[in-house]
PDB file of N, CA and C in Angstrom:
ATOM      1  N   MET A   1      46.064 -17.064  -3.214  1.00  0.00           N
ATOM      2  CA  MET A   1      45.771 -16.554  -4.220  1.00  0.00           C
ATOM      3  C   MET A   1      44.640 -14.987  -3.768  1.00  0.00           C
ATOM      4  N   LYS A   2      45.289 -14.078  -4.208  1.00  0.00           N
ATOM      5  CA  LYS A   2      44.265 -12.922  -4.092  1.00  0.00           C
ATOM      6  C   LYS A   2      44.194 -12.219  -5.484  1.00  0.00           C
ATOM      7  N   PRO A   3      42.720 -12.272  -5.109  1.00  0.00           N
ATOM      8  CA  PRO A   3      41.986 -11.550  -6.579  1.00  0.00           C
ATOM      9  C   PRO A   3      42.633  -9.804  -6.351  1.00  0.00           C
ATOM     10  N   GLU A   4      42.873  -9.890  -7.548  1.00  0.00           N
ATOM     11  CA  GLU A   4      43.426  -8.203  -7.291  1.00  0.00           C
ATOM     12  C   GLU A   4      42.207  -7.294  -8.857  1.00  0.00           C
ATOM     13  N   VAL A   5      42.212  -6.513  -7.950  1.00  0.00           N
ATOM     14  CA  VAL A   5      41.173  -5.226  -8.599  1.00  0.00           C
ATOM     15  C   VAL A   5      42.039  -4.231  -9.494  1.00  0.00           C
ATOM     16  N   PRO A   6      41.507  -3.857 -10.623  1.00  0.00           N
ATOM     17  CA  PRO A   6      42.274  -3.059 -11.548  1.00  0.00           C
ATOM     18  C   PRO A   6      42.199  -1.552 -10.922  1.00  0.00           C
ATOM     19  N   THR A   7      43.492  -1.093 -10.782  1.00  0.00           N
ATOM     20  CA  THR A   7      43.563   0.128 -10.228  1.00  0.00           C
ATOM     21  C   THR A   7      42.906   1.456 -10.994  1.00  0.00           C
ATOM     22  N   GLN A   8      42.552   0.998 -12.093  1.00  0.00           N
ATOM     23  CA  GLN A   8      42.317   2.560 -13.047  1.00  0.00           C
ATOM     24  C   GLN A   8      40.575   2.258 -12.900  1.00  0.00           C
ATOM     25  N   TRP A   9      39.829   1.613 -11.747  1.00  0.00           N
ATOM     26  CA  TRP A   9      38.514   1.844 -11.826  1.00  0.00           C
ATOM     27  C   TRP A   9      38.792   3.029 -10.588  1.00  0.00           C
ATOM     28  N   GLY A  10      39.573   3.225  -9.830  1.00  0.00           N
ATOM     29  CA  GLY A  10      39.896   4.113  -8.693  1.00  0.00           C
ATOM     30  C   GLY A  10      39.310   3.454  -7.352  1.00  0.00           C
ATOM     31  N   PRO A  11      39.116   3.964  -6.297  1.00  0.00           N
ATOM     32  CA  PRO A  11      39.251   4.018  -5.136  1.00  0.00           C
ATOM     33  C   PRO A  11      37.799   3.274  -4.854  1.00  0.00           C
ATOM     34  N   ASP A  12      37.050   4.351  -5.198  1.00  0.00           N
ATOM     35  CA  ASP A  12      35.445   4.221  -5.430  1.00  0.00           C
ATOM     36  C   ASP A  12      34.465   2.998  -5.858  1.00  0.00           C
ATOM     37  N   LYS A  13      35.078   2.693  -6.794  1.00  0.00           N
ATOM     38  CA  LYS A  13      35.014   1.193  -7.385  1.00  0.00           C
ATOM     39  C   LYS A  13      35.337  -0.201  -6.667  1.00  0.00           C
ATOM     40  N   ARG A  14      36.218  -0.179  -6.027  1.00  0.00           N
ATOM     41  CA  ARG A  14      37.089  -1.552  -5.520  1.00  0.00           C
ATOM     42  C   ARG A  14      36.238  -1.698  -4.322  1.00  0.00           C
ATOM     43  N   SER A  15      35.215  -1.111  -3.961  1.00  0.00           N
ATOM     44  CA  SER A  15      33.963  -1.198  -2.643  1.00  0.00           C
ATOM     45  C   SER A  15      32.539  -1.644  -3.472  1.00  0.00           C
ATOM     46  N   TRP A  16      31.858  -2.253  -2.568  1.00  0.00           N
ATOM     47  CA  TRP A  16      30.517  -2.305  -2.894  1.00  0.00           C
ATOM     48  C   TRP A  16      29.872  -0.980  -2.948  1.00  0.00           C
ATOM     49  N   HIS A  17      29.028  -1.021  -3.924  1.00  0.00           N
ATOM     50  CA  HIS A  17      28.404   0.182  -4.368  1.00  0.00           C
ATOM     51  C   HIS A  17      26.581  -0.008  -4.927  1.00  0.00           C
ATOM     52  N   LEU A  18      25.605   0.924  -4.849  1.00  0.00           N
ATOM     53  CA  LEU A  18      24.396   0.648  -5.323  1.00  0.00           C
ATOM     54  C   LEU A  18      24.156   1.776  -6.252  1.00  0.00           C
ATOM     55  N   ASP A  19      23.673   1.461  -7.449  1.00  0.00           N
ATOM     56  CA  ASP A  19      23.096   1.819  -8.547  1.00  0.00           C
ATOM     57  C   ASP A  19      22.099   2.452  -8.673  1.00  0.00           C
ATOM     58  N   LYS A  20      22.333   3.782  -8.953  1.00  0.00           N
ATOM     59  CA  LYS A  20      20.543   4.395  -8.625  1.00  0.00           C
ATOM     60  C   LYS A  20      19.919   4.302 -10.055  1.00  0.00           C
ATOM     61  N   THR A  21      20.296   3.553 -11.240  1.00  0.00           N
ATOM     62  CA  THR A  21      19.970   3.662 -12.183  1.00  0.00           C
ATOM     63  C   THR A  21      18.927   1.825 -12.345  1.00  0.00           C
ATOM     64  N   ILE A  22      17.929   1.956 -13.069  1.00  0.00           N
ATOM     65  CA  ILE A  22      17.527   1.011 -13.572  1.00  0.00           C
ATOM     66  C   ILE A  22      17.583   0.662 -14.795  1.00  0.00           C
ATOM     67  N   SER A  23      17.837  -0.547 -15.014  1.00  0.00           N
ATOM     68  CA  SER A  23      18.039  -1.139 -16.705  1.00  0.00           C
ATOM     69  C   SER A  23      16.996  -1.412 -16.886  1.00  0.00           C
ATOM     70  N   VAL A  24      16.757  -1.355 -18.379  1.00  0.00           N
ATOM     71  CA  VAL A  24      15.307  -2.118 -19.234  1.00  0.00           C
ATOM     72  C   VAL A  24      15.716  -3.582 -18.803  1.00  0.00           C
ATOM     73  N   GLY A  25      16.612  -4.108 -18.663  1.00  0.00           N
ATOM     74  CA  GLY A  25      16.776  -6.063 -18.843  1.00  0.00           C
ATOM     75  C   GLY A  25      15.946  -5.952 -17.455  1.00  0.00           C
ATOM     76  N   HIS A  26      16.764  -5.326 -16.381  1.00  0.00           N
ATOM     77  CA  HIS A  26      15.694  -5.733 -15.180  1.00  0.00           C
ATOM     78  C   HIS A  26      14.471  -5.826 -14.968  1.00  0.00           C
ATOM     79  N   LEU A  27      14.187  -4.416 -15.623  1.00  0.00           N
ATOM     80  CA  LEU A  27      12.804  -4.371 -16.143  1.00  0.00           C
ATOM     81  C   LEU A  27      11.530  -5.429 -16.590  1.00  0.00           C
ATOM     82  N   VAL A  28      12.534  -5.567 -17.483  1.00  0.00           N
ATOM     83  CA  VAL A  28      11.634  -6.642 -18.612  1.00  0.00           C
ATOM     84  C   VAL A  28      11.401  -8.057 -17.654  1.00  0.00           C
ATOM     85  N   SER A  29      13.220  -8.235 -17.530  1.00  0.00           N
ATOM     86  CA  SER A  29      12.624  -9.595 -16.475  1.00  0.00           C
ATOM     87  C   SER A  29      12.115  -9.491 -15.088  1.00  0.00           C
ATOM     88  N   THR A  30      11.829  -8.368 -14.517  1.00  0.00           N
ATOM     89  CA  THR A  30      10.817  -8.609 -13.541  1.00  0.00           C
ATOM     90  C   THR A  30       9.306  -8.740 -13.720  1.00  0.00           C
ATOM     91  N   VAL A  31       9.017  -7.889 -15.047  1.00  0.00           N
ATOM     92  CA  VAL A  31       7.733  -8.015 -15.478  1.00  0.00           C
ATOM     93  C   VAL A  31       7.336  -9.655 -16.080  1.00  0.00           C
ATOM     94  N   VAL A  32       8.375 -10.483 -16.541  1.00  0.00           N
ATOM     95  CA  VAL A  32       7.881 -11.451 -17.091  1.00  0.00           C
ATOM     96  C   VAL A  32       8.061 -12.584 -16.011  1.00  0.00           C
ATOM     97  N   ILE A  33       8.861 -12.458 -15.168  1.00  0.00           N
ATOM     98  CA  ILE A  33       8.536 -13.121 -13.658  1.00  0.00           C
ATOM     99  C   ILE A  33       7.201 -12.754 -12.924  1.00  0.00           C
ATOM    100  N   ALA A  34       6.864 -11.631 -12.922  1.00  0.00           N
ATOM    101  CA  ALA A  34       5.229 -11.261 -12.167  1.00  0.00           C
ATOM    102  C   ALA A  34       4.255 -12.314 -13.372  1.00  0.00           C
ATOM    103  N   VAL A  35       4.410 -12.130 -14.370  1.00  0.00           N
ATOM    104  CA  VAL A  35       3.496 -12.671 -15.295  1.00  0.00           C
ATOM    105  C   VAL A  35       3.144 -14.047 -15.062  1.00  0.00           C
ATOM    106  N   SER A  36       4.675 -14.916 -14.772  1.00  0.00           N
ATOM    107  CA  SER A  36       4.693 -15.799 -14.801  1.00  0.00           C
ATOM    108  C   SER A  36       4.091 -16.469 -13.325  1.00  0.00           C
ATOM    109  N   VAL A  37       4.657 -15.435 -12.701  1.00  0.00           N
ATOM    110  CA  VAL A  37       4.139 -16.187 -11.005  1.00  0.00           C
ATOM    111  C   VAL A  37       2.035 -15.764 -11.063  1.00  0.00           C
ATOM    112  N   PHE A  38       2.024 -15.025 -11.893  1.00  0.00           N
ATOM    113  CA  PHE A  38       0.562 -14.751 -12.088  1.00  0.00           C
ATOM    114  C   PHE A  38      -0.095 -15.789 -12.748  1.00  0.00           C
ATOM    115  N   SER A  39       0.537 -16.202 -13.950  1.00  0.00           N
ATOM    116  CA  SER A  39      -0.098 -17.277 -14.768  1.00  0.00           C
ATOM    117  C   SER A  39      -0.079 -18.998 -14.004  1.00  0.00           C
ATOM    118  N   TRP A  40       1.142 -18.764 -13.163  1.00  0.00           N
ATOM    119  CA  TRP A  40       1.020 -19.932 -12.094  1.00  0.00           C
ATOM    120  C   TRP A  40      -0.281 -19.825 -10.940  1.00  0.00           C
ATOM    121  N   ALA A  41      -0.464 -19.031 -10.547  1.00  0.00           N
ATOM    122  CA  ALA A  41      -1.039 -19.029  -9.310  1.00  0.00           C
ATOM    123  C   ALA A  41      -2.620 -19.015 -10.147  1.00  0.00           C
ATOM    124  N   MET A  42      -3.141 -18.469 -10.968  1.00  0.00           N
ATOM    125  CA  MET A  42      -3.923 -18.897 -12.005  1.00  0.00           C
ATOM    126  C   MET A  42      -4.722 -19.889 -11.967  1.00  0.00           C
ATOM    127  N   THR A  43      -3.509 -21.073 -12.689  1.00  0.00           N
ATOM    128  CA  THR A  43      -3.818 -22.447 -12.944  1.00  0.00           C
ATOM    129  C   THR A  43      -4.194 -23.059 -11.888  1.00  0.00           C
ATOM    130  N   LEU A  44      -3.475 -22.739 -10.641  1.00  0.00           N
ATOM    131  CA  LEU A  44      -3.105 -23.228  -9.433  1.00  0.00           C
ATOM    132  C   LEU A  44      -4.828 -23.236  -8.812  1.00  0.00           C
ATOM    133  N   ASP A  45      -5.033 -22.003  -8.984  1.00  0.00           N
ATOM    134  CA  ASP A  45      -6.528 -21.715  -8.407  1.00  0.00           C
ATOM    135  C   ASP A  45      -7.252 -22.507  -9.331  1.00  0.00           C
ATOM    136  N   LYS A  46      -7.380 -22.725 -10.818  1.00  0.00           N
ATOM    137  CA  LYS A  46      -8.091 -23.172 -11.499  1.00  0.00           C
ATOM    138  C   LYS A  46      -7.926 -25.120 -11.427  1.00  0.00           C
ATOM    139  N   ARG A  47      -6.955 -25.403 -10.947  1.00  0.00           N
ATOM    140  CA  ARG A  47      -6.531 -26.746 -10.461  1.00  0.00           C
ATOM    141  C   ARG A  47      -7.302 -27.275  -9.220  1.00  0.00           C
ATOM    142  N   VAL A  48      -6.880 -26.260  -8.588  1.00  0.00           N
ATOM    143  CA  VAL A  48      -8.202 -26.284  -6.646  1.00  0.00           C
ATOM    144  C   VAL A  48      -9.546 -26.395  -7.113  1.00  0.00           C
ATOM    145  N   GLU A  49     -10.313 -25.520  -8.011  1.00  0.00           N
ATOM    146  CA  GLU A  49     -11.326 -25.623  -8.164  1.00  0.00           C
ATOM    147  C   GLU A  49     -11.662 -26.907  -8.968  1.00  0.00           C
ATOM    148  N   GLN A  50     -11.193 -27.197  -9.855  1.00  0.00           N
ATOM    149  CA  GLN A  50     -11.314 -28.030 -10.630  1.00  0.00           C
ATOM    150  C   GLN A  50     -11.343 -29.753  -9.606  1.00  0.00           C
ATOM    151  N   ASN A  51     -10.925 -29.542  -8.904  1.00  0.00           N
ATOM    152  CA  ASN A  51     -10.699 -30.679  -7.249  1.00  0.00           C
ATOM    153  C   ASN A  51     -11.362 -30.871  -6.382  1.00  0.00           C
ATOM    154  N   ALA A  52     -11.978 -29.212  -6.090  1.00  0.00           N
ATOM    155  CA  ALA A  52     -13.098 -29.261  -5.319  1.00  0.00           C
ATOM    156  C   ALA A  52     -14.321 -29.681  -5.862  1.00  0.00           C
ATOM    157  N   LEU A  53     -14.582 -29.087  -7.224  1.00  0.00           N
ATOM    158  CA  LEU A  53     -15.907 -30.043  -7.795  1.00  0.00           C
ATOM    159  C   LEU A  53     -15.656 -31.500  -8.160  1.00  0.00           C
ATOM    160  N   ALA A  54     -14.397 -32.075  -8.376  1.00  0.00           N
ATOM    161  CA  ALA A  54     -14.208 -33.882  -8.294  1.00  0.00           C
ATOM    162  C   ALA A  54     -14.842 -34.262  -6.874  1.00  0.00           C
ATOM    163  N   ILE A  55     -14.408 -33.556  -5.684  1.00  0.00           N
ATOM    164  CA  ILE A  55     -14.233 -33.761  -4.426  1.00  0.00           C
ATOM    165  C   ILE A  55     -16.316 -33.986  -4.350  1.00  0.00           C
ATOM    166  N   ILE A  56     -16.744 -32.764  -4.287  1.00  0.00           N
ATOM    167  CA  ILE A  56     -18.229 -32.823  -4.234  1.00  0.00           C
ATOM    168  C   ILE A  56     -18.557 -33.939  -4.993  1.00  0.00           C
ATOM    169  N   HIS A  57     -18.644 -34.190  -6.442  1.00  0.00           N
ATOM    170  CA  HIS A  57     -19.099 -35.303  -7.244  1.00  0.00           C
ATOM    171  C   HIS A  57     -18.338 -36.469  -6.818  1.00  0.00           C
ATOM    172  N   LEU A  58     -17.705 -36.809  -6.248  1.00  0.00           N
ATOM    173  CA  LEU A  58     -17.226 -38.100  -5.495  1.00  0.00           C
ATOM    174  C   LEU A  58     -18.035 -38.418  -4.233  1.00  0.00           C
ATOM    175  N   LYS A  59     -18.398 -37.578  -3.716  1.00  0.00           N
ATOM    176  CA  LYS A  59     -19.342 -37.357  -2.312  1.00  0.00           C
ATOM    177  C   LYS A  59     -20.671 -37.338  -2.656  1.00  0.00           C
ATOM    178  N   GLU A  60     -20.987 -37.183  -3.999  1.00  0.00           N
ATOM    179  CA  GLU A  60     -22.150 -37.882  -4.275  1.00  0.00           C
ATOM    180  C   GLU A  60     -22.873 -38.710  -4.754  1.00  0.00           C
ATOM    181  N   GLN A  61     -21.706 -39.153  -5.375  1.00  0.00           N
ATOM    182  CA  GLN A  61     -21.604 -41.152  -5.851  1.00  0.00           C
ATOM    183  C   GLN A  61     -21.808 -41.822  -4.988  1.00  0.00           C
ATOM    184  N   GLN A  62     -20.817 -41.365  -3.678  1.00  0.00           N
ATOM    185  CA  GLN A  62     -20.569 -42.215  -2.510  1.00  0.00           C
ATOM    186  C   GLN A  62     -21.787 -42.521  -1.920  1.00  0.00           C
ATOM    187  N   ALA A  63     -22.490 -41.153  -1.687  1.00  0.00           N
ATOM    188  CA  ALA A  63     -24.105 -41.140  -1.348  1.00  0.00           C
ATOM    189  C   ALA A  63     -25.146 -42.054  -1.778  1.00  0.00           C
ATOM    190  N   ALA A  64     -24.846 -41.970  -2.908  1.00  0.00           N
ATOM    191  CA  ALA A  64     -25.874 -43.095  -4.148  1.00  0.00           C
ATOM    192  C   ALA A  64     -25.438 -44.044  -3.766  1.00  0.00           C
ATOM    193  N   GLU A  65     -24.266 -44.163  -4.040  1.00  0.00           N
ATOM    194  CA  GLU A  65     -23.873 -45.714  -3.468  1.00  0.00           C
ATOM    195  C   GLU A  65     -24.100 -46.352  -2.343  1.00  0.00           C
ATOM    196  N   GLN A  66     -24.160 -45.826  -0.970  1.00  0.00           N
ATOM    197  CA  GLN A  66     -24.528 -46.149   0.342  1.00  0.00           C
ATOM    198  C   GLN A  66     -25.810 -46.266   0.158  1.00  0.00           C
ATOM    199  N   LYS A  67     -26.516 -45.330  -0.627  1.00  0.00           N
ATOM    200  CA  LYS A  67     -28.220 -45.808  -0.468  1.00  0.00           C
ATOM    201  C   LYS A  67     -28.263 -47.177  -1.182  1.00  0.00           C
ATOM    202  N   ARG A  68     -27.885 -47.310  -2.566  1.00  0.00           N
ATOM    203  CA  ARG A  68     -28.098 -48.722  -3.173  1.00  0.00           C
ATOM    204  C   ARG A  68     -27.647 -49.675  -2.144  1.00  0.00           C
ATOM    205  N   ILE A  69     -27.072 -49.724  -1.631  1.00  0.00           N
ATOM    206  CA  ILE A  69     -26.241 -50.745  -0.665  1.00  0.00           C
ATOM    207  C   ILE A  69     -27.259 -50.961   0.347  1.00  0.00           C
ATOM    208  N   GLU A  70     -27.686 -49.682   1.129  1.00  0.00           N
ATOM    209  CA  GLU A  70     -28.848 -50.421   1.879  1.00  0.00           C
ATOM    210  C   GLU A  70     -29.658 -50.970   1.344  1.00  0.00           C
ATOM    211  N   GLN A  71     -30.413 -50.133   0.355  1.00  0.00           N
ATOM    212  CA  GLN A  71     -31.440 -50.794  -0.579  1.00  0.00           C
ATOM    213  C   GLN A  71     -31.323 -52.353  -0.957  1.00  0.00           C
ATOM    214  N   LEU A  72     -29.929 -52.748  -1.093  1.00  0.00           N
ATOM    215  CA  LEU A  72     -29.488 -54.132  -1.318  1.00  0.00           C
ATOM    216  C   LEU A  72     -29.753 -54.773  -0.064  1.00  0.00           C
ATOM    217  N   ARG A  73     -28.903 -54.216   0.849  1.00  0.00           N
ATOM    218  CA  ARG A  73     -29.118 -55.118   2.154  1.00  0.00           C
ATOM    219  C   ARG A  73     -30.357 -55.210   2.785  1.00  0.00           C
ATOM    220  N   GLY A  74     -31.603 -54.254   2.569  1.00  0.00           N
ATOM    221  CA  GLY A  74     -32.993 -54.580   2.919  1.00  0.00           C
ATOM    222  C   GLY A  74     -33.548 -55.855   2.446  1.00  0.00           C
ATOM    223  N   GLU A  75     -33.175 -55.926   0.472  1.00  0.00           N
ATOM    224  CA  GLU A  75     -33.516 -56.560   0.150  1.00  0.00           C
ATOM    225  C   GLU A  75     -33.249 -58.389   0.310  1.00  0.00           C
ATOM    226  N   ILE A  76     -31.766 -57.987   0.978  1.00  0.00           N
ATOM    227  CA  ILE A  76     -31.190 -59.435   1.100  1.00  0.00           C
ATOM    228  C   ILE A  76     -32.018 -59.820   2.611  1.00  0.00           C
ATOM    229  N   LYS A  77     -32.164 -59.064   3.741  1.00  0.00           N
ATOM    230  CA  LYS A  77     -32.997 -59.331   4.606  1.00  0.00           C
ATOM    231  C   LYS A  77     -34.089 -60.068   4.601  1.00  0.00           C
ATOM    232  N   GLN A  78     -34.830 -59.280   3.558  1.00  0.00           N
ATOM    233  CA  GLN A  78     -36.478 -59.812   3.149  1.00  0.00           C
ATOM    234  C   GLN A  78     -36.194 -61.260   2.442  1.00  0.00           C
ATOM    235  N   ASP A  79     -35.322 -61.571   1.665  1.00  0.00           N
ATOM    236  CA  ASP A  79     -35.301 -62.692   1.016  1.00  0.00           C
ATOM    237  C   ASP A  79     -34.811 -63.821   2.200  1.00  0.00           C
ATOM    238  N   LEU A  80     -33.840 -63.436   3.016  1.00  0.00           N
ATOM    239  CA  LEU A  80     -33.481 -64.503   4.171  1.00  0.00           C
ATOM    240  C   LEU A  80     -34.591 -64.637   5.077  1.00  0.00           C
ATOM    241  N   ARG A  81     -35.417 -63.506   5.351  1.00  0.00           N
ATOM    242  CA  ARG A  81     -36.897 -63.863   5.938  1.00  0.00           C
ATOM    243  C   ARG A  81     -37.991 -64.282   5.852  1.00  0.00           C
ATOM    244  N   ASP A  82     -38.380 -64.408   3.743  1.00  0.00           N
ATOM    245  CA  ASP A  82     -39.055 -65.184   2.980  1.00  0.00           C
ATOM    246  C   ASP A  82     -38.406 -66.957   3.272  1.00  0.00           C
ATOM    247  N   ILE A  83     -36.903 -67.083   2.783  1.00  0.00           N
ATOM    248  CA  ILE A  83     -36.349 -68.296   2.926  1.00  0.00           C
ATOM    249  C   ILE A  83     -36.603 -68.785   4.681  1.00  0.00           C
ATOM    250  N   ASN A  84     -36.496 -67.860   5.641  1.00  0.00           N
ATOM    251  CA  ASN A  84     -36.898 -68.516   6.557  1.00  0.00           C
ATOM    252  C   ASN A  84     -38.208 -69.158   7.271  1.00  0.00           C
ATOM    253  N   HIS A  85     -38.992 -68.424   6.699  1.00  0.00           N
ATOM    254  CA  HIS A  85     -40.711 -69.071   6.827  1.00  0.00           C
ATOM    255  C   HIS A  85     -40.753 -70.002   5.936  1.00  0.00           C
ATOM    256  N   LYS A  86     -40.075 -70.357   4.407  1.00  0.00           N
ATOM    257  CA  LYS A  86     -40.397 -71.070   3.947  1.00  0.00           C
ATOM    258  C   LYS A  86     -39.950 -72.353   4.530  1.00  0.00           C
ATOM    259  N   LEU A  87     -38.788 -72.250   5.386  1.00  0.00           N
ATOM    260  CA  LEU A  87     -37.768 -73.461   5.873  1.00  0.00           C
ATOM    261  C   LEU A  87     -39.004 -73.848   7.000  1.00  0.00           C
ATOM    262  N   ASP A  88     -39.393 -72.777   7.764  1.00  0.00           N
ATOM    263  CA  ASP A  88     -40.074 -73.074   8.992  1.00  0.00           C
ATOM    264  C   ASP A  88     -41.337 -74.235   8.197  1.00  0.00           C
ATOM    265  N   ARG A  89     -41.937 -73.441   7.524  1.00  0.00           N
ATOM    266  CA  ARG A  89     -43.453 -74.361   6.831  1.00  0.00           C
ATOM    267  C   ARG A  89     -43.044 -75.951   6.208  1.00  0.00           C
ATOM    268  N   LEU A  90     -42.155 -76.172   5.740  1.00  0.00           N
ATOM    269  CA  LEU A  90     -41.315 -77.210   5.072  1.00  0.00           C
ATOM    270  C   LEU A  90     -41.416 -78.200   6.750  1.00  0.00           C
ATOM    271  N   ILE A  91     -40.593 -77.400   7.690  1.00  0.00           N
ATOM    272  CA  ILE A  91     -40.398 -78.508   8.544  1.00  0.00           C
ATOM    273  C   ILE A  91     -41.736 -78.998   9.446  1.00  0.00           C
ATOM    274  N   GLU A  92     -42.511 -77.871   9.621  1.00  0.00           N
ATOM    275  CA  GLU A  92     -43.658 -78.216  10.106  1.00  0.00           C
ATOM    276  C   GLU A  92     -44.629 -79.244   9.347  1.00  0.00           C
ATOM    277  N   SER A  93     -44.181 -79.118   7.898  1.00  0.00           N
ATOM    278  CA  SER A  93     -45.468 -79.989   7.238  1.00  0.00           C
ATOM    279  C   SER A  93     -44.243 -81.023   7.245  1.00  0.00           C
ATOM    280  N   GLN A  94     -43.053 -81.748   7.515  1.00  0.00           N
ATOM    281  CA  GLN A  94     -42.442 -82.587   7.365  1.00  0.00           C
ATOM    282  C   GLN A  94     -42.621 -83.249   8.887  1.00  0.00           C
ATOM    283  N   SER A  95     -43.113 -82.505   9.564  1.00  0.00           N
ATOM    284  CA  SER A  95     -43.444 -82.398  11.389  1.00  0.00           C
ATOM    285  C   SER A  95     -44.584 -83.590  11.632  1.00  0.00           C
ATOM    286  N   LYS A  96     -45.641 -82.846  10.863  1.00  0.00           N
ATOM    287  CA  LYS A  96     -46.688 -83.812  10.766  1.00  0.00           C
ATOM    288  C   LYS A  96     -47.244 -84.809   9.758  1.00  0.00           C
ATOM    289  N   ARG A  97     -46.188 -85.164   8.972  1.00  0.00           N
ATOM    290  CA  ARG A  97     -46.587 -86.502   8.611  1.00  0.00           C
ATOM    291  C   ARG A  97     -46.145 -87.708   9.674  1.00  0.00           C
TER     292      ARG A  97
END
């Protein structure tokens, strides 16, 4: 089936052509699209900045947590040394009897 082009348009209307005018609808839609893209970019930028701040906060929290773990580890080592020392004294006192 072959689409038919009406003959009343004339031979110049049957082929592709470019119109040199700009319609108001195209201008409005282009402005709306441009504003939408700008708004999207701004919200994306805001979210990236918020994520960067969250990452910095998490790094600080992780460093503080690591410091606390190291302190607890040192305390546990000291407690184990104290227990070892007490056991040594207990064993020595038992062996002297």
